Amino acid sequence: MRLGTYYRALMWDKVGIRAISSVVLDIGGFDGYWLSQQPAGTKVCVDLSPQRKYDGVTYVKADALSLPFSDGCFDQVFAFDIIEHVDDDKQFLNELHRVTRPNGEIVISTPHKQIRIFPPFLTNWVSKKWGHYRANGYLESEIRKLIPQDDSAEFLYLRQLFLRVSYLSLRFLWGVSWEITKPLVRAIAYLDTAFLNGDNGGIVVYITRRT
């Protein structure tokens, strides 16, 4: 299991991000851990290299820029910290829009463009380690320009202060033993939801497909 996957699963539960519909899609879900914890009906996990690990999750190997699904076939679509990795972010959001049913929900997350970890001078180096070669993250204004015109969007800003301050130490400990490190990550996720709003962390975008 990845550190980011586990931390985000804790955060999303605390802020109320859940897959609860009949047919849901998680893009970039890797091993399907988060999706496996959800009460949704049909659960589909798409990844470039999916790790088939959990019962009740359908795994599909595919590129998010060309999803192998028909139009409007999902009630909810999720893509956590994926948009900053793709080559064409406009096409990415168009694909999410295409496979979501009218009035369905799309939820994406991304680091804020001004994200800073501790110590700050290592931010760009860590960002490259995360695979953010095209962009460290996004501003709200940049994301709004990418969203299909008729769709509506709401933004939640995540400070993620305690994760950013402790990330390098956590990453080291996770590599030694993720089972031992889990309680510490749970505590940090709890603190980050207690002091939720603020820049320099992440952004969650709730998009409703209107047409």
Protein backbone atom coordinates (compact mmCIF):
# COMPACT_ATOMS: atom_id res chain seq x y z
CA MET A 1 0.00 0.00 0.00
CA ARG A 2 1.14 3.53 -0.76
CA LEU A 3 1.45 6.23 1.88
CA GLY A 4 -0.56 8.73 -0.20
CA THR A 5 -3.32 6.19 -0.84
CA TYR A 6 -3.75 5.46 2.85
CA TYR A 7 -3.62 9.10 3.94
CA ARG A 8 -6.13 10.19 1.30
CA ALA A 9 -8.52 7.39 2.23
CA LEU A 10 -8.53 8.67 5.81
CA MET A 11 -8.95 12.28 4.73
CA TRP A 12 -11.76 11.55 2.27
CA ASP A 13 -13.69 9.63 4.89
CA LYS A 14 -13.43 12.52 7.34
CA VAL A 15 -14.52 15.18 4.83
CA GLY A 16 -17.35 13.05 3.46
CA ILE A 17 -16.02 11.97 0.07
CA ARG A 18 -17.64 8.59 -0.57
CA ALA A 19 -18.57 6.36 -3.49
CA ILE A 20 -22.21 5.60 -2.73
CA SER A 21 -23.85 5.24 -6.16
CA SER A 22 -24.78 2.23 -8.26
CA VAL A 23 -21.87 2.41 -10.72
CA VAL A 24 -18.67 4.26 -9.83
CA LEU A 25 -15.24 4.74 -11.38
CA ASP A 26 -11.92 5.48 -9.67
CA ILE A 27 -9.23 6.62 -12.09
CA GLY A 28 -5.63 5.99 -11.06
CA GLY A 29 -6.83 3.81 -8.19
CA PHE A 30 -3.80 1.47 -8.42
CA ASP A 31 -4.74 -1.44 -6.12
CA GLY A 32 -8.33 -0.30 -5.51
CA TYR A 33 -7.85 0.13 -1.75
CA TRP A 34 -10.03 3.23 -1.37
CA LEU A 35 -12.70 1.86 -3.67
CA SER A 36 -12.80 -1.44 -1.79
CA GLN A 37 -13.80 0.45 1.37
CA GLN A 38 -16.80 2.14 -0.28
CA PRO A 39 -20.48 1.07 -0.15
CA ALA A 40 -21.06 1.60 -3.89
CA GLY A 41 -22.61 -1.01 -6.14
CA THR A 42 -20.40 -1.71 -9.15
CA LYS A 43 -16.85 -0.48 -8.50
CA VAL A 44 -14.43 0.01 -11.38
CA CYS A 45 -10.77 0.88 -10.87
CA VAL A 46 -8.77 2.16 -13.86
CA ASP A 47 -5.00 2.41 -13.82
CA LEU A 48 -2.08 2.17 -16.22
CA SER A 49 -0.75 -0.68 -14.07
CA PRO A 50 -3.61 -1.92 -11.86
CA GLN A 51 -2.78 -4.21 -8.95
CA ARG A 52 -5.69 -6.65 -8.63
CA LYS A 53 -5.97 -7.06 -4.88
CA TYR A 54 -9.52 -6.64 -3.56
CA ASP A 55 -12.68 -8.63 -4.17
CA GLY A 56 -15.64 -6.64 -5.38
CA VAL A 57 -13.50 -4.28 -7.49
CA THR A 58 -13.31 -4.57 -11.27
CA TYR A 59 -9.84 -3.63 -12.50
CA VAL A 60 -9.27 -2.15 -15.96
CA LYS A 61 -5.91 -1.33 -17.51
CA ALA A 62 -6.42 1.86 -19.51
CA ASP A 63 -5.24 5.39 -20.21
CA ALA A 64 -7.32 8.11 -18.55
CA LEU A 65 -7.12 10.19 -21.73
CA SER A 66 -8.98 7.49 -23.70
CA LEU A 67 -11.29 5.58 -21.37
CA PRO A 68 -12.78 2.35 -22.77
CA PHE A 69 -16.32 3.11 -21.59
CA SER A 70 -19.48 4.34 -23.24
CA ASP A 71 -20.84 7.83 -22.67
CA GLY A 72 -22.63 8.51 -19.39
CA CYS A 73 -22.20 5.07 -17.87
CA PHE A 74 -21.01 6.09 -14.36
CA ASP A 75 -22.94 7.80 -11.57
CA GLN A 76 -19.76 8.99 -9.83
CA VAL A 77 -16.21 9.39 -11.13
CA PHE A 78 -13.20 9.96 -8.88
CA ALA A 79 -9.63 10.91 -9.78
CA PHE A 80 -7.39 11.65 -6.81
CA ASP A 81 -4.10 13.44 -7.54
CA ILE A 82 -4.10 12.35 -11.19
CA ILE A 83 -4.63 15.50 -13.25
CA GLU A 84 -1.13 16.82 -12.50
CA HIS A 85 0.33 13.63 -14.03
CA VAL A 86 -1.47 13.52 -17.39
CA ASP A 87 -0.11 15.01 -20.60
CA ASP A 88 -3.38 16.71 -21.61
CA ASP A 89 -5.37 17.99 -18.64
CA LYS A 90 -8.18 19.40 -20.83
CA GLN A 91 -8.71 16.06 -22.54
CA PHE A 92 -8.56 14.36 -19.14
CA LEU A 93 -11.47 16.39 -17.77
CA ASN A 94 -13.38 15.97 -21.04
CA GLU A 95 -13.09 12.20 -20.66
CA LEU A 96 -14.31 12.32 -17.05
CA HIS A 97 -17.24 14.42 -18.24
CA ARG A 98 -18.01 12.04 -21.11
CA VAL A 99 -18.28 8.86 -19.03
CA THR A 100 -20.34 10.52 -16.25
CA ARG A 101 -24.12 10.49 -16.57
CA PRO A 102 -26.01 13.80 -16.70
CA ASN A 103 -26.31 15.21 -13.15
CA GLY A 104 -23.65 12.74 -12.06
CA GLU A 105 -20.72 13.68 -9.84
CA ILE A 106 -17.02 14.02 -10.64
CA VAL A 107 -14.55 14.47 -7.77
CA ILE A 108 -10.90 15.24 -8.40
CA SER A 109 -8.07 16.29 -6.15
CA THR A 110 -4.71 17.89 -6.89
CA PRO A 111 -1.93 19.62 -4.98
CA HIS A 112 -2.24 23.40 -4.81
CA LYS A 113 0.18 25.07 -7.22
CA GLN A 114 1.82 26.82 -4.26
CA ILE A 115 2.20 23.66 -2.18
CA ARG A 116 5.11 23.72 0.26
CA ILE A 117 6.48 20.85 2.28
CA PHE A 118 9.02 21.12 5.08
CA PRO A 119 11.73 22.17 4.51
CA PRO A 120 10.36 24.37 1.68
CA PHE A 121 13.49 24.24 -0.48
CA LEU A 122 12.89 20.50 -1.03
CA THR A 123 9.38 21.02 -2.44
CA ASN A 124 10.36 20.89 -6.11
CA TRP A 125 12.58 17.84 -5.56
CA VAL A 126 9.78 15.97 -3.76
CA SER A 127 7.31 17.02 -6.43
CA LYS A 128 9.50 15.40 -9.08
CA LYS A 129 9.64 12.25 -6.93
CA TRP A 130 5.83 12.29 -7.00
CA GLY A 131 6.00 12.34 -10.79
CA HIS A 132 4.88 15.95 -11.19
CA TYR A 133 7.05 16.76 -14.17
CA ARG A 134 4.51 18.96 -15.95
CA ALA A 135 3.11 20.84 -12.94
CA ASN A 136 3.46 20.81 -9.15
CA GLY A 137 -0.25 21.48 -8.91
CA TYR A 138 -3.03 23.87 -9.89
CA LEU A 139 -4.76 27.09 -9.00
CA GLU A 140 -8.56 27.21 -8.87
CA SER A 141 -8.59 29.59 -11.84
CA GLU A 142 -6.57 27.12 -13.93
CA ILE A 143 -8.91 24.24 -13.15
CA ARG A 144 -12.02 26.28 -13.92
CA LYS A 145 -10.69 26.93 -17.43
CA LEU A 146 -10.45 23.16 -18.01
CA ILE A 147 -13.93 22.18 -16.81
CA PRO A 148 -16.52 21.71 -19.59
CA GLN A 149 -18.49 24.92 -19.90
CA ASP A 150 -21.91 23.71 -18.77
CA ASP A 151 -20.64 21.82 -15.72
CA SER A 152 -20.72 23.38 -12.25
CA ALA A 153 -17.88 23.13 -9.74
CA GLU A 154 -17.25 23.69 -6.05
CA PHE A 155 -13.77 23.88 -4.50
CA LEU A 156 -12.50 22.72 -1.11
CA TYR A 157 -9.06 23.89 -0.01
CA LEU A 158 -6.98 21.57 2.15
CA ARG A 159 -4.22 23.01 4.30
CA GLN A 160 -2.68 19.57 5.01
CA LEU A 161 -0.23 21.28 7.32
CA PHE A 162 0.71 18.28 9.43
CA LEU A 163 1.25 16.04 6.40
CA ARG A 164 3.44 18.65 4.73
CA VAL A 165 5.54 19.22 7.86
CA SER A 166 6.06 15.52 8.54
CA TYR A 167 6.04 14.10 5.00
CA LEU A 168 9.74 13.25 4.64
CA SER A 169 9.85 11.55 8.03
CA LEU A 170 6.63 9.68 7.29
CA ARG A 171 7.93 8.54 3.92
CA PHE A 172 11.03 7.11 5.56
CA LEU A 173 9.06 5.34 8.29
CA TRP A 174 6.55 4.01 5.76
CA GLY A 175 9.40 2.45 3.82
CA VAL A 176 10.65 0.74 6.98
CA SER A 177 7.24 -0.59 8.06
CA TRP A 178 3.92 0.73 6.81
CA GLU A 179 2.02 -1.33 9.40
CA ILE A 180 3.86 0.36 12.26
CA THR A 181 3.49 3.80 10.63
CA LYS A 182 -0.28 3.54 10.07
CA PRO A 183 -1.30 4.85 13.55
CA LEU A 184 0.90 7.93 13.04
CA VAL A 185 -0.66 8.58 9.63
CA ARG A 186 -4.13 8.25 11.16
CA ALA A 187 -3.21 10.86 13.79
CA ILE A 188 -1.89 13.24 11.13
CA ALA A 189 -5.03 12.82 9.00
CA TYR A 190 -7.15 13.59 12.07
CA LEU A 191 -5.17 16.77 12.77
CA ASP A 192 -5.34 17.84 9.14
CA THR A 193 -9.13 17.56 9.13
CA ALA A 194 -9.33 19.44 12.45
CA PHE A 195 -7.42 22.33 10.81
CA LEU A 196 -8.81 21.82 7.34
CA ASN A 197 -8.97 24.99 5.27
CA GLY A 198 -5.97 26.81 3.87
CA ASP A 199 -3.59 27.13 0.93
CA ASN A 200 -0.26 25.41 0.29
CA GLY A 201 -1.76 21.94 0.55
CA GLY A 202 -4.34 20.49 -1.80
CA ILE A 203 -7.57 21.21 -3.63
CA VAL A 204 -10.65 19.02 -3.99
CA VAL A 205 -13.02 19.84 -6.84
CA TYR A 206 -16.64 18.68 -6.88
CA ILE A 207 -17.99 18.82 -10.43
CA THR A 208 -21.57 18.16 -11.49
CA ARG A 209 -22.10 17.18 -15.11
CA ARG A 210 -25.06 19.21 -16.30
CA THR A 211 -25.42 18.07 -19.91
